[in-house]
PDB file of N, CA and C in Angstrom:
ATOM      1  N   UNK A   1      -7.381   8.198 -33.016  1.00  0.00           N
ATOM      2  CA  UNK A   1      -7.928   7.665 -31.788  1.00  0.00           C
ATOM      3  C   UNK A   1      -6.811   7.100 -30.926  1.00  0.00           C
ATOM      4  N   UNK A   2      -7.047   7.139 -29.619  1.00  0.00           N
ATOM      5  CA  UNK A   2      -6.094   6.556 -28.687  1.00  0.00           C
ATOM      6  C   UNK A   2      -6.833   5.520 -27.847  1.00  0.00           C
ATOM      7  N   UNK A   3      -6.281   4.329 -27.785  1.00  0.00           N
ATOM      8  CA  UNK A   3      -6.879   3.253 -26.996  1.00  0.00           C
ATOM      9  C   UNK A   3      -6.755   3.573 -25.511  1.00  0.00           C
ATOM     10  N   UNK A   4      -7.804   3.316 -24.751  1.00  0.00           N
ATOM     11  CA  UNK A   4      -7.772   3.500 -23.300  1.00  0.00           C
ATOM     12  C   UNK A   4      -8.388   2.280 -22.635  1.00  0.00           C
ATOM     13  N   UNK A   5      -7.699   1.760 -21.634  1.00  0.00           N
ATOM     14  CA  UNK A   5      -8.188   0.570 -20.935  1.00  0.00           C
ATOM     15  C   UNK A   5      -7.547   0.512 -19.559  1.00  0.00           C
ATOM     16  N   UNK A   6      -8.299   0.053 -18.577  1.00  0.00           N
ATOM     17  CA  UNK A   6      -7.771  -0.084 -17.229  1.00  0.00           C
ATOM     18  C   UNK A   6      -7.183  -1.462 -16.991  1.00  0.00           C
ATOM     19  N   UNK A   7      -6.098  -1.511 -16.233  1.00  0.00           N
ATOM     20  CA  UNK A   7      -5.458  -2.780 -15.888  1.00  0.00           C
ATOM     21  C   UNK A   7      -5.130  -2.785 -14.403  1.00  0.00           C
ATOM     22  N   UNK A   8      -5.258  -3.933 -13.777  1.00  0.00           N
ATOM     23  CA  UNK A   8      -4.814  -4.089 -12.394  1.00  0.00           C
ATOM     24  C   UNK A   8      -3.291  -4.012 -12.377  1.00  0.00           C
ATOM     25  N   UNK A   9      -2.743  -3.443 -11.325  1.00  0.00           N
ATOM     26  CA  UNK A   9      -1.291  -3.255 -11.236  1.00  0.00           C
ATOM     27  C   UNK A   9      -0.523  -4.558 -11.404  1.00  0.00           C
ATOM     28  N   UNK A  10      -1.036  -5.632 -10.840  1.00  0.00           N
ATOM     29  CA  UNK A  10      -0.352  -6.917 -10.912  1.00  0.00           C
ATOM     30  C   UNK A  10      -0.351  -7.542 -12.295  1.00  0.00           C
ATOM     31  N   UNK A  11      -1.217  -7.063 -13.168  1.00  0.00           N
ATOM     32  CA  UNK A  11      -1.314  -7.616 -14.521  1.00  0.00           C
ATOM     33  C   UNK A  11      -0.402  -6.909 -15.520  1.00  0.00           C
ATOM     34  N   UNK A  12       0.148  -5.779 -15.149  1.00  0.00           N
ATOM     35  CA  UNK A  12       0.912  -4.952 -16.085  1.00  0.00           C
ATOM     36  C   UNK A  12       2.026  -5.727 -16.774  1.00  0.00           C
ATOM     37  N   UNK A  13       2.757  -6.517 -16.024  1.00  0.00           N
ATOM     38  CA  UNK A  13       3.920  -7.220 -16.584  1.00  0.00           C
ATOM     39  C   UNK A  13       3.554  -8.504 -17.324  1.00  0.00           C
ATOM     40  N   UNK A  14       2.254  -8.794 -17.412  1.00  0.00           N
ATOM     41  CA  UNK A  14       1.798 -10.002 -18.105  1.00  0.00           C
ATOM     42  C   UNK A  14       1.200  -9.676 -19.469  1.00  0.00           C
ATOM     43  N   UNK A  15       1.671  -8.624 -20.111  1.00  0.00           N
ATOM     44  CA  UNK A  15       1.185  -8.306 -21.448  1.00  0.00           C
ATOM     45  C   UNK A  15       0.949  -6.832 -21.714  1.00  0.00           C
ATOM     46  N   UNK A  16       0.181  -6.129 -20.863  1.00  0.00           N
ATOM     47  CA  UNK A  16      -0.119  -4.724 -21.151  1.00  0.00           C
ATOM     48  C   UNK A  16       1.121  -3.832 -21.278  1.00  0.00           C
ATOM     49  N   UNK A  17       2.222  -4.210 -20.646  1.00  0.00           N
ATOM     50  CA  UNK A  17       3.450  -3.410 -20.739  1.00  0.00           C
ATOM     51  C   UNK A  17       3.899  -3.265 -22.192  1.00  0.00           C
ATOM     52  N   UNK A  18       3.563  -4.239 -23.025  1.00  0.00           N
ATOM     53  CA  UNK A  18       3.951  -4.200 -24.441  1.00  0.00           C
ATOM     54  C   UNK A  18       3.221  -3.100 -25.208  1.00  0.00           C
ATOM     55  N   UNK A  19       2.110  -2.603 -24.676  1.00  0.00           N
ATOM     56  CA  UNK A  19       1.345  -1.541 -25.339  1.00  0.00           C
ATOM     57  C   UNK A  19       1.941  -0.156 -25.104  1.00  0.00           C
ATOM     58  N   UNK A  20       2.841  -0.054 -24.131  1.00  0.00           N
ATOM     59  CA  UNK A  20       3.381   1.253 -23.757  1.00  0.00           C
ATOM     60  C   UNK A  20       4.460   1.674 -24.735  1.00  0.00           C
ATOM     61  N   UNK A  21       4.306   2.911 -25.219  1.00  0.00           N
ATOM     62  CA  UNK A  21       5.280   3.458 -26.160  1.00  0.00           C
ATOM     63  C   UNK A  21       5.588   4.899 -25.778  1.00  0.00           C
ATOM     64  N   UNK A  22       6.568   5.466 -26.425  1.00  0.00           N
ATOM     65  CA  UNK A  22       7.029   6.819 -26.140  1.00  0.00           C
ATOM     66  C   UNK A  22       5.883   7.821 -26.227  1.00  0.00           C
ATOM     67  N   UNK A  23       5.711   8.605 -25.163  1.00  0.00           N
ATOM     68  CA  UNK A  23       4.714   9.662 -25.149  1.00  0.00           C
ATOM     69  C   UNK A  23       3.316   9.246 -24.736  1.00  0.00           C
ATOM     70  N   UNK A  24       3.071   7.947 -24.539  1.00  0.00           N
ATOM     71  CA  UNK A  24       1.743   7.478 -24.151  1.00  0.00           C
ATOM     72  C   UNK A  24       1.425   7.947 -22.734  1.00  0.00           C
ATOM     73  N   UNK A  25       0.295   8.617 -22.519  1.00  0.00           N
ATOM     74  CA  UNK A  25      -0.061   9.000 -21.151  1.00  0.00           C
ATOM     75  C   UNK A  25      -0.599   7.794 -20.385  1.00  0.00           C
ATOM     76  N   UNK A  26      -0.080   7.570 -19.190  1.00  0.00           N
ATOM     77  CA  UNK A  26      -0.524   6.466 -18.339  1.00  0.00           C
ATOM     78  C   UNK A  26      -0.975   7.062 -17.008  1.00  0.00           C
ATOM     79  N   UNK A  27      -2.219   6.776 -16.628  1.00  0.00           N
ATOM     80  CA  UNK A  27      -2.774   7.274 -15.368  1.00  0.00           C
ATOM     81  C   UNK A  27      -2.657   6.171 -14.322  1.00  0.00           C
ATOM     82  N   UNK A  28      -2.076   6.521 -13.180  1.00  0.00           N
ATOM     83  CA  UNK A  28      -1.881   5.562 -12.088  1.00  0.00           C
ATOM     84  C   UNK A  28      -2.623   6.073 -10.858  1.00  0.00           C
ATOM     85  N   UNK A  29      -3.493   5.242 -10.295  1.00  0.00           N
ATOM     86  CA  UNK A  29      -4.163   5.572  -9.038  1.00  0.00           C
ATOM     87  C   UNK A  29      -3.381   4.857  -7.942  1.00  0.00           C
ATOM     88  N   UNK A  30      -2.672   5.652  -7.154  1.00  0.00           N
ATOM     89  CA  UNK A  30      -1.732   5.124  -6.161  1.00  0.00           C
ATOM     90  C   UNK A  30      -2.419   4.915  -4.813  1.00  0.00           C
ATOM     91  N   UNK A  31      -2.308   3.719  -4.228  1.00  0.00           N
ATOM     92  CA  UNK A  31      -2.888   3.511  -2.896  1.00  0.00           C
ATOM     93  C   UNK A  31      -2.035   4.203  -1.834  1.00  0.00           C
ATOM     94  N   UNK A  32      -2.633   4.454  -0.705  1.00  0.00           N
ATOM     95  CA  UNK A  32      -1.900   5.058   0.404  1.00  0.00           C
ATOM     96  C   UNK A  32      -0.845   4.084   0.917  1.00  0.00           C
ATOM     97  N   UNK A  33       0.366   4.563   1.165  1.00  0.00           N
ATOM     98  CA  UNK A  33       1.382   3.669   1.729  1.00  0.00           C
ATOM     99  C   UNK A  33       1.010   3.220   3.143  1.00  0.00           C
ATOM    100  N   UNK A  34       0.116   3.954   3.796  1.00  0.00           N
ATOM    101  CA  UNK A  34      -0.308   3.594   5.153  1.00  0.00           C
ATOM    102  C   UNK A  34      -1.176   2.335   5.151  1.00  0.00           C
ATOM    103  N   UNK A  35      -1.896   2.115   4.050  1.00  0.00           N
ATOM    104  CA  UNK A  35      -2.827   0.986   3.989  1.00  0.00           C
ATOM    105  C   UNK A  35      -2.218  -0.264   3.372  1.00  0.00           C
ATOM    106  N   UNK A  36      -1.308  -0.094   2.430  1.00  0.00           N
ATOM    107  CA  UNK A  36      -0.722  -1.255   1.759  1.00  0.00           C
ATOM    108  C   UNK A  36       0.691  -0.931   1.290  1.00  0.00           C
ATOM    109  N   UNK A  37       1.655  -1.166   2.147  1.00  0.00           N
ATOM    110  CA  UNK A  37       3.051  -0.865   1.827  1.00  0.00           C
ATOM    111  C   UNK A  37       3.518  -1.689   0.631  1.00  0.00           C
ATOM    112  N   UNK A  38       3.131  -2.955   0.578  1.00  0.00           N
ATOM    113  CA  UNK A  38       3.565  -3.833  -0.512  1.00  0.00           C
ATOM    114  C   UNK A  38       3.007  -3.375  -1.852  1.00  0.00           C
ATOM    115  N   UNK A  39       1.704  -3.103  -1.912  1.00  0.00           N
ATOM    116  CA  UNK A  39       1.093  -2.649  -3.159  1.00  0.00           C
ATOM    117  C   UNK A  39       1.688  -1.314  -3.590  1.00  0.00           C
ATOM    118  N   UNK A  40       1.896  -0.422  -2.641  1.00  0.00           N
ATOM    119  CA  UNK A  40       2.489   0.886  -2.931  1.00  0.00           C
ATOM    120  C   UNK A  40       3.878   0.711  -3.539  1.00  0.00           C
ATOM    121  N   UNK A  41       4.684  -0.146  -2.943  1.00  0.00           N
ATOM    122  CA  UNK A  41       6.035  -0.408  -3.439  1.00  0.00           C
ATOM    123  C   UNK A  41       6.011  -1.026  -4.838  1.00  0.00           C
ATOM    124  N   UNK A  42       5.104  -1.979  -5.054  1.00  0.00           N
ATOM    125  CA  UNK A  42       4.989  -2.612  -6.372  1.00  0.00           C
ATOM    126  C   UNK A  42       4.560  -1.611  -7.441  1.00  0.00           C
ATOM    127  N   UNK A  43       3.659  -0.707  -7.082  1.00  0.00           N
ATOM    128  CA  UNK A  43       3.224   0.300  -8.047  1.00  0.00           C
ATOM    129  C   UNK A  43       4.341   1.285  -8.376  1.00  0.00           C
ATOM    130  N   UNK A  44       5.166   1.633  -7.397  1.00  0.00           N
ATOM    131  CA  UNK A  44       6.320   2.489  -7.685  1.00  0.00           C
ATOM    132  C   UNK A  44       7.238   1.808  -8.696  1.00  0.00           C
ATOM    133  N   UNK A  45       7.433   0.512  -8.537  1.00  0.00           N
ATOM    134  CA  UNK A  45       8.242  -0.256  -9.483  1.00  0.00           C
ATOM    135  C   UNK A  45       7.609  -0.229 -10.875  1.00  0.00           C
ATOM    136  N   UNK A  46       6.287  -0.399 -10.941  1.00  0.00           N
ATOM    137  CA  UNK A  46       5.585  -0.336 -12.228  1.00  0.00           C
ATOM    138  C   UNK A  46       5.752   1.025 -12.892  1.00  0.00           C
ATOM    139  N   UNK A  47       5.638   2.083 -12.101  1.00  0.00           N
ATOM    140  CA  UNK A  47       5.773   3.436 -12.650  1.00  0.00           C
ATOM    141  C   UNK A  47       7.165   3.628 -13.243  1.00  0.00           C
ATOM    142  N   UNK A  48       8.193   3.152 -12.550  1.00  0.00           N
ATOM    143  CA  UNK A  48       9.560   3.282 -13.076  1.00  0.00           C
ATOM    144  C   UNK A  48       9.698   2.537 -14.405  1.00  0.00           C
ATOM    145  N   UNK A  49       9.098   1.364 -14.500  1.00  0.00           N
ATOM    146  CA  UNK A  49       9.164   0.592 -15.741  1.00  0.00           C
ATOM    147  C   UNK A  49       8.392   1.290 -16.867  1.00  0.00           C
ATOM    148  N   UNK A  50       7.258   1.863 -16.534  1.00  0.00           N
ATOM    149  CA  UNK A  50       6.456   2.609 -17.511  1.00  0.00           C
ATOM    150  C   UNK A  50       7.255   3.800 -18.038  1.00  0.00           C
ATOM    151  N   UNK A  51       7.894   4.534 -17.132  1.00  0.00           N
ATOM    152  CA  UNK A  51       8.706   5.686 -17.548  1.00  0.00           C
ATOM    153  C   UNK A  51       9.889   5.257 -18.400  1.00  0.00           C
ATOM    154  N   UNK A  52      10.486   4.119 -18.088  1.00  0.00           N
ATOM    155  CA  UNK A  52      11.631   3.632 -18.863  1.00  0.00           C
ATOM    156  C   UNK A  52      11.240   3.373 -20.313  1.00  0.00           C
ATOM    157  N   UNK A  53       9.969   3.111 -20.549  1.00  0.00           N
ATOM    158  CA  UNK A  53       9.481   2.881 -21.913  1.00  0.00           C
ATOM    159  C   UNK A  53       9.021   4.172 -22.581  1.00  0.00           C
ATOM    160  N   UNK A  54       9.195   5.305 -21.898  1.00  0.00           N
ATOM    161  CA  UNK A  54       8.912   6.598 -22.509  1.00  0.00           C
ATOM    162  C   UNK A  54       7.524   7.150 -22.292  1.00  0.00           C
ATOM    163  N   UNK A  55       6.715   6.491 -21.478  1.00  0.00           N
ATOM    164  CA  UNK A  55       5.359   6.976 -21.224  1.00  0.00           C
ATOM    165  C   UNK A  55       5.385   8.204 -20.321  1.00  0.00           C
ATOM    166  N   UNK A  56       4.309   8.966 -20.377  1.00  0.00           N
ATOM    167  CA  UNK A  56       4.119  10.119 -19.501  1.00  0.00           C
ATOM    168  C   UNK A  56       3.229   9.650 -18.357  1.00  0.00           C
ATOM    169  N   UNK A  57       3.706   9.763 -17.116  1.00  0.00           N
ATOM    170  CA  UNK A  57       2.947   9.263 -15.978  1.00  0.00           C
ATOM    171  C   UNK A  57       2.147  10.373 -15.313  1.00  0.00           C
ATOM    172  N   UNK A  58       0.872  10.094 -15.133  1.00  0.00           N
ATOM    173  CA  UNK A  58      -0.046  10.984 -14.426  1.00  0.00           C
ATOM    174  C   UNK A  58      -0.481  10.192 -13.200  1.00  0.00           C
ATOM    175  N   UNK A  59      -0.025  10.614 -12.038  1.00  0.00           N
ATOM    176  CA  UNK A  59      -0.246   9.830 -10.822  1.00  0.00           C
ATOM    177  C   UNK A  59      -1.212  10.560  -9.892  1.00  0.00           C
ATOM    178  N   UNK A  60      -2.229   9.828  -9.449  1.00  0.00           N
ATOM    179  CA  UNK A  60      -3.179  10.331  -8.458  1.00  0.00           C
ATOM    180  C   UNK A  60      -2.794   9.672  -7.142  1.00  0.00           C
ATOM    181  N   UNK A  61      -2.374  10.491  -6.167  1.00  0.00           N
ATOM    182  CA  UNK A  61      -1.867   9.942  -4.904  1.00  0.00           C
ATOM    183  C   UNK A  61      -2.393  10.752  -3.726  1.00  0.00           C
ATOM    184  N   UNK A  62      -2.258  10.165  -2.560  1.00  0.00           N
ATOM    185  CA  UNK A  62      -2.672  10.825  -1.328  1.00  0.00           C
ATOM    186  C   UNK A  62      -1.758  12.012  -1.037  1.00  0.00           C
ATOM    187  N   UNK A  63      -2.345  13.085  -0.570  1.00  0.00           N
ATOM    188  CA  UNK A  63      -1.580  14.266  -0.172  1.00  0.00           C
ATOM    189  C   UNK A  63      -0.477  13.872   0.804  1.00  0.00           C
ATOM    190  N   UNK A  64       0.714  14.375   0.573  1.00  0.00           N
ATOM    191  CA  UNK A  64       1.819  14.102   1.478  1.00  0.00           C
ATOM    192  C   UNK A  64       2.631  12.862   1.153  1.00  0.00           C
ATOM    193  N   UNK A  65       2.230  12.114   0.136  1.00  0.00           N
ATOM    194  CA  UNK A  65       2.990  10.918  -0.259  1.00  0.00           C
ATOM    195  C   UNK A  65       4.169  11.368  -1.125  1.00  0.00           C
ATOM    196  N   UNK A  66       5.259  11.705  -0.480  1.00  0.00           N
ATOM    197  CA  UNK A  66       6.430  12.239  -1.182  1.00  0.00           C
ATOM    198  C   UNK A  66       7.213  11.165  -1.934  1.00  0.00           C
ATOM    199  N   UNK A  67       6.976   9.895  -1.638  1.00  0.00           N
ATOM    200  CA  UNK A  67       7.723   8.829  -2.311  1.00  0.00           C
ATOM    201  C   UNK A  67       7.382   8.736  -3.790  1.00  0.00           C
ATOM    202  N   UNK A  68       6.208   9.190  -4.177  1.00  0.00           N
ATOM    203  CA  UNK A  68       5.773   9.063  -5.567  1.00  0.00           C
ATOM    204  C   UNK A  68       6.203  10.264  -6.424  1.00  0.00           C
ATOM    205  N   UNK A  69       6.457  11.383  -5.791  1.00  0.00           N
ATOM    206  CA  UNK A  69       6.763  12.626  -6.523  1.00  0.00           C
ATOM    207  C   UNK A  69       7.890  12.484  -7.559  1.00  0.00           C
ATOM    208  N   UNK A  70       9.006  11.821  -7.249  1.00  0.00           N
ATOM    209  CA  UNK A  70      10.085  11.715  -8.248  1.00  0.00           C
ATOM    210  C   UNK A  70       9.706  10.906  -9.491  1.00  0.00           C
ATOM    211  N   UNK A  71       8.662  10.095  -9.389  1.00  0.00           N
ATOM    212  CA  UNK A  71       8.295   9.212 -10.493  1.00  0.00           C
ATOM    213  C   UNK A  71       7.070   9.681 -11.265  1.00  0.00           C
ATOM    214  N   UNK A  72       6.472  10.777 -10.851  1.00  0.00           N
ATOM    215  CA  UNK A  72       5.268  11.279 -11.506  1.00  0.00           C
ATOM    216  C   UNK A  72       5.623  12.464 -12.397  1.00  0.00           C
ATOM    217  N   UNK A  73       5.320  12.334 -13.688  1.00  0.00           N
ATOM    218  CA  UNK A  73       5.494  13.494 -14.565  1.00  0.00           C
ATOM    219  C   UNK A  73       4.463  14.557 -14.207  1.00  0.00           C
ATOM    220  N   UNK A  74       3.280  14.100 -13.835  1.00  0.00           N
ATOM    221  CA  UNK A  74       2.205  14.980 -13.371  1.00  0.00           C
ATOM    222  C   UNK A  74       1.606  14.327 -12.134  1.00  0.00           C
ATOM    223  N   UNK A  75       1.501  15.085 -11.050  1.00  0.00           N
ATOM    224  CA  UNK A  75       0.995  14.539  -9.791  1.00  0.00           C
ATOM    225  C   UNK A  75      -0.288  15.255  -9.403  1.00  0.00           C
ATOM    226  N   UNK A  76      -1.325  14.479  -9.138  1.00  0.00           N
ATOM    227  CA  UNK A  76      -2.592  15.007  -8.636  1.00  0.00           C
ATOM    228  C   UNK A  76      -2.723  14.485  -7.213  1.00  0.00           C
ATOM    229  N   UNK A  77      -2.725  15.404  -6.249  1.00  0.00           N
ATOM    230  CA  UNK A  77      -2.802  15.004  -4.847  1.00  0.00           C
ATOM    231  C   UNK A  77      -4.238  15.096  -4.349  1.00  0.00           C
ATOM    232  N   UNK A  78      -4.662  14.042  -3.668  1.00  0.00           N
ATOM    233  CA  UNK A  78      -6.007  13.966  -3.112  1.00  0.00           C
ATOM    234  C   UNK A  78      -5.902  13.936  -1.589  1.00  0.00           C
ATOM    235  N   UNK A  79      -6.868  14.541  -0.894  1.00  0.00           N
ATOM    236  CA  UNK A  79      -6.826  14.479   0.570  1.00  0.00           C
ATOM    237  C   UNK A  79      -7.005  13.044   1.062  1.00  0.00           C
ATOM    238  N   UNK A  80      -6.404  12.750   2.196  1.00  0.00           N
ATOM    239  CA  UNK A  80      -6.528  11.413   2.786  1.00  0.00           C
ATOM    240  C   UNK A  80      -7.962  11.191   3.254  1.00  0.00           C
ATOM    241  N   UNK A  81      -8.453   9.980   3.030  1.00  0.00           N
ATOM    242  CA  UNK A  81      -9.786   9.596   3.506  1.00  0.00           C
ATOM    243  C   UNK A  81      -9.659   8.257   4.223  1.00  0.00           C
ATOM    244  N   UNK A  82     -10.629   7.963   5.061  1.00  0.00           N
ATOM    245  CA  UNK A  82     -10.574   6.693   5.785  1.00  0.00           C
ATOM    246  C   UNK A  82     -10.889   5.535   4.850  1.00  0.00           C
ATOM    247  N   UNK A  83     -10.408   4.362   5.207  1.00  0.00           N
ATOM    248  CA  UNK A  83     -10.660   3.155   4.435  1.00  0.00           C
ATOM    249  C   UNK A  83     -12.094   2.710   4.679  1.00  0.00           C
ATOM    250  N   UNK A  84     -12.750   2.284   3.618  1.00  0.00           N
ATOM    251  CA  UNK A  84     -14.140   1.813   3.768  1.00  0.00           C
ATOM    252  C   UNK A  84     -14.191   0.481   4.464  1.00  0.00           C
TER     253      UNK A  84
END
């Protein structure tokens, strides 16, 4: 069995980072850089830290967000939608 649990991006460095090990798949839902530059930047930092620990990153991001491509082992691009 493999444990699966969701964490808020801001909580990653307060404990959950210790669960990451070599080969663990980590799914990241990336916000649009147009809506939240700070959150987007912080998540890029989290992804780099996750990769440094050997995890496999699966990133779901807005189409055309080229800033995330270098940090995603697997990238799923979604069309842009308006903010609710």
